[in-house]
């Protein structure tokens, strides 16, 4: 049985996808913005969102108490350019918290990191695809996808499944070549 996690990590709504033996399941966790933000309020929001993500993964992807280890997690890369605002700092904290848990001694899940343009090109054939295009393409493959965050997570999981030699979607030429892009772990992953 192969299990691949896809994560589109966000402070407001994180998309989570779980691809297991040909079946895709997507969900989102939601964190509400909190207006004026003290350091304690910001920390509470980050820890709460990270906890929601990790709890869902613990209950659905990793089995109770980590008895099942997913083969791979694929995470959308953080955007490292643009304004360095407080929310940039907070998003970074959330991203690293989730990444660290995936790699921790309890789980030890190999993690791949894929930038957004590579993901868009892999999903649609267009590196500049907008959210609506990504969602439309995802719903053609997995009708239960509810929003663009779940769509991105689904595509990340599908990309990981393809990297491991499965065919979660039609493997077009752009998808086959797209598997050479991204930061893939060196844990013996098979490539098409």
Protein backbone atom coordinates (compact mmCIF):
# COMPACT_ATOMS: atom_id res chain seq x y z
CA UNK A 1 0.00 0.00 0.00
CA UNK A 2 1.40 3.42 -0.99
CA UNK A 3 0.47 6.54 0.94
CA UNK A 4 1.39 10.05 -0.21
CA UNK A 5 0.52 13.29 1.57
CA UNK A 6 0.10 16.63 -0.24
CA UNK A 7 0.15 19.86 1.79
CA UNK A 8 -0.63 23.43 0.72
CA UNK A 9 0.25 25.07 4.04
CA UNK A 10 -1.41 28.37 4.92
CA UNK A 11 -2.30 30.33 8.03
CA UNK A 12 -5.89 30.81 6.91
CA UNK A 13 -6.78 27.54 5.16
CA UNK A 14 -4.41 24.64 4.65
CA UNK A 15 -5.21 22.10 1.96
CA UNK A 16 -4.42 18.49 2.84
CA UNK A 17 -4.55 15.57 0.42
CA UNK A 18 -4.03 11.90 1.05
CA UNK A 19 -3.41 9.60 -1.93
CA UNK A 20 -3.57 5.97 -0.93
CA UNK A 21 -3.50 3.18 -3.51
CA UNK A 22 -5.26 5.10 -6.25
CA UNK A 23 -7.77 6.95 -4.06
CA UNK A 24 -7.51 10.68 -3.35
CA UNK A 25 -9.03 12.30 -0.28
CA UNK A 26 -8.81 16.06 0.33
CA UNK A 27 -9.72 18.27 3.31
CA UNK A 28 -8.86 21.74 4.58
CA UNK A 29 -8.11 23.10 8.02
CA UNK A 30 -9.24 26.66 8.74
CA UNK A 31 -7.72 29.26 11.06
CA UNK A 32 -9.51 32.55 11.58
CA UNK A 33 -7.61 35.85 11.29
CA UNK A 34 -7.38 37.53 14.67
CA UNK A 35 -7.23 41.29 14.04
CA UNK A 36 -4.77 43.09 16.32
CA UNK A 37 -2.12 40.53 16.98
CA UNK A 38 0.07 40.36 20.03
CA UNK A 39 2.93 37.89 20.01
CA UNK A 40 0.84 35.52 22.12
CA UNK A 41 -2.16 35.77 19.75
CA UNK A 42 0.03 35.13 16.72
CA UNK A 43 1.70 32.18 18.41
CA UNK A 44 -1.68 30.74 19.42
CA UNK A 45 -2.87 30.95 15.82
CA UNK A 46 0.27 29.29 14.42
CA UNK A 47 0.29 26.51 17.02
CA UNK A 48 -3.46 25.96 16.55
CA UNK A 49 -3.20 25.64 12.77
CA UNK A 50 -0.12 23.39 13.01
CA UNK A 51 -1.97 21.27 15.58
CA UNK A 52 -4.99 20.91 13.28
CA UNK A 53 -2.79 19.77 10.39
CA UNK A 54 -0.76 17.35 12.49
CA UNK A 55 -3.86 15.95 14.23
CA UNK A 56 -5.55 15.23 10.88
CA UNK A 57 -2.41 13.57 9.56
CA UNK A 58 -2.04 11.53 12.77
CA UNK A 59 -5.62 10.28 12.55
CA UNK A 60 -5.84 9.73 8.79
CA UNK A 61 -2.42 9.34 7.21
CA UNK A 62 -0.10 7.99 9.85
CA UNK A 63 -2.43 5.65 11.69
CA UNK A 64 -3.04 5.89 15.37
CA UNK A 65 0.26 6.68 17.14
CA UNK A 66 2.20 6.53 13.89
CA UNK A 67 1.78 2.81 13.15
CA UNK A 68 1.74 3.50 9.40
CA UNK A 69 4.40 5.69 7.83
CA UNK A 70 3.47 7.42 4.57
CA UNK A 71 5.91 6.87 1.72
CA UNK A 72 6.24 10.57 0.94
CA UNK A 73 4.90 14.03 1.78
CA UNK A 74 4.97 16.74 -0.90
CA UNK A 75 4.70 20.34 0.33
CA UNK A 76 4.31 23.54 -1.65
CA UNK A 77 7.45 25.62 -1.20
CA UNK A 78 7.13 28.86 0.73
CA UNK A 79 7.41 32.03 -1.32
CA UNK A 80 10.78 33.46 -0.39
CA UNK A 81 10.43 36.83 -2.08
CA UNK A 82 8.01 39.71 -1.71
CA UNK A 83 7.15 41.79 1.34
CA UNK A 84 8.65 40.64 4.61
CA UNK A 85 5.60 41.38 6.74
CA UNK A 86 4.47 39.88 10.02
CA UNK A 87 2.32 37.34 8.21
CA UNK A 88 5.37 36.25 6.16
CA UNK A 89 7.16 35.55 9.44
CA UNK A 90 4.12 33.69 10.82
CA UNK A 91 3.65 31.60 7.66
CA UNK A 92 7.31 30.64 7.84
CA UNK A 93 6.88 29.48 11.43
CA UNK A 94 3.87 27.35 10.48
CA UNK A 95 5.60 25.87 7.42
CA UNK A 96 8.72 24.91 9.38
CA UNK A 97 6.67 23.53 12.27
CA UNK A 98 4.77 21.15 9.99
CA UNK A 99 7.89 20.23 7.98
CA UNK A 100 9.75 19.46 11.20
CA UNK A 101 6.97 17.21 12.47
CA UNK A 102 6.94 15.23 9.21
CA UNK A 103 10.71 14.67 9.48
CA UNK A 104 10.76 14.12 13.27
CA UNK A 105 11.92 10.93 14.90
CA UNK A 106 8.32 9.85 15.45
CA UNK A 107 7.34 9.95 11.76
CA UNK A 108 10.49 10.24 9.59
CA UNK A 109 8.48 10.84 6.42
CA UNK A 110 10.53 11.77 3.35
CA UNK A 111 9.49 15.30 2.31
CA UNK A 112 9.62 16.82 -1.17
CA UNK A 113 9.25 20.57 -1.69
CA UNK A 114 7.78 21.84 -4.98
CA UNK A 115 7.48 25.50 -5.93
CA UNK A 116 4.14 26.87 -7.03
CA UNK A 117 5.06 27.45 -10.70
CA UNK A 118 6.28 23.85 -11.04
CA UNK A 119 3.09 22.58 -9.39
CA UNK A 120 0.87 24.68 -11.69
CA UNK A 121 2.74 23.50 -14.78
CA UNK A 122 2.54 19.87 -13.62
CA UNK A 123 -1.21 20.10 -12.95
CA UNK A 124 -2.34 22.12 -15.98
CA UNK A 125 0.58 22.41 -18.39
CA UNK A 126 0.74 26.16 -17.63
CA UNK A 127 3.14 27.51 -15.00
CA UNK A 128 1.03 30.66 -14.67
CA UNK A 129 -2.33 28.89 -14.12
CA UNK A 130 -4.60 30.79 -11.77
CA UNK A 131 -6.51 29.33 -8.80
CA UNK A 132 -9.65 28.76 -10.87
CA UNK A 133 -7.73 26.74 -13.49
CA UNK A 134 -6.08 24.64 -10.79
CA UNK A 135 -9.42 23.99 -9.10
CA UNK A 136 -11.14 23.12 -12.38
CA UNK A 137 -8.38 20.67 -13.34
CA UNK A 138 -8.50 19.07 -9.88
CA UNK A 139 -12.29 18.66 -9.95
CA UNK A 140 -12.00 16.84 -13.29
CA UNK A 141 -9.79 14.28 -11.53
CA UNK A 142 -11.33 14.31 -8.04
CA UNK A 143 -14.90 15.71 -7.99
CA UNK A 144 -14.97 16.02 -4.18
CA UNK A 145 -12.33 18.79 -4.05
CA UNK A 146 -13.96 21.77 -2.30
CA UNK A 147 -11.55 24.68 -2.79
CA UNK A 148 -8.29 25.82 -4.38
CA UNK A 149 -6.21 24.83 -1.33
CA UNK A 150 -7.48 21.25 -1.51
CA UNK A 151 -6.86 21.32 -5.27
CA UNK A 152 -3.22 22.33 -4.79
CA UNK A 153 -2.78 19.67 -2.09
CA UNK A 154 -4.33 17.05 -4.39
CA UNK A 155 -1.93 17.95 -7.18
CA UNK A 156 1.02 17.80 -4.78
CA UNK A 157 -0.01 14.31 -3.62
CA UNK A 158 -0.57 13.20 -7.22
CA UNK A 159 2.86 14.50 -8.20
CA UNK A 160 4.37 12.51 -5.33
CA UNK A 161 2.49 9.37 -6.36
CA UNK A 162 3.78 9.79 -9.92
CA UNK A 163 7.33 10.30 -8.62
CA UNK A 164 6.99 6.93 -6.87
CA UNK A 165 5.98 5.26 -10.16
CA UNK A 166 2.18 5.33 -9.91
CA UNK A 167 -0.17 6.91 -12.44
CA UNK A 168 -2.57 8.96 -10.33
CA UNK A 169 -3.54 11.03 -13.38
CA UNK A 170 -2.81 10.89 -17.10
CA UNK A 171 0.96 11.13 -17.44
CA UNK A 172 1.31 13.70 -20.20
CA UNK A 173 4.72 14.70 -21.52
CA UNK A 174 4.73 17.86 -19.37
CA UNK A 175 3.98 15.79 -16.26
CA UNK A 176 6.72 13.27 -16.95
CA UNK A 177 9.29 16.06 -17.49
CA UNK A 178 7.91 17.99 -14.49
CA UNK A 179 8.94 15.18 -12.16
CA UNK A 180 12.55 16.22 -12.65
CA UNK A 181 11.80 19.56 -10.98
CA UNK A 182 11.34 20.20 -7.29
CA UNK A 183 13.41 19.32 -4.27
CA UNK A 184 12.94 15.56 -3.91
CA UNK A 185 14.40 13.66 -0.96
CA UNK A 186 17.27 11.31 -1.62
CA UNK A 187 15.62 8.36 0.12
CA UNK A 188 15.69 6.01 -2.88
CA UNK A 189 12.60 7.40 -4.62
CA UNK A 190 11.88 5.85 -7.98
CA UNK A 191 11.33 8.18 -10.93
CA UNK A 192 9.42 7.48 -14.14
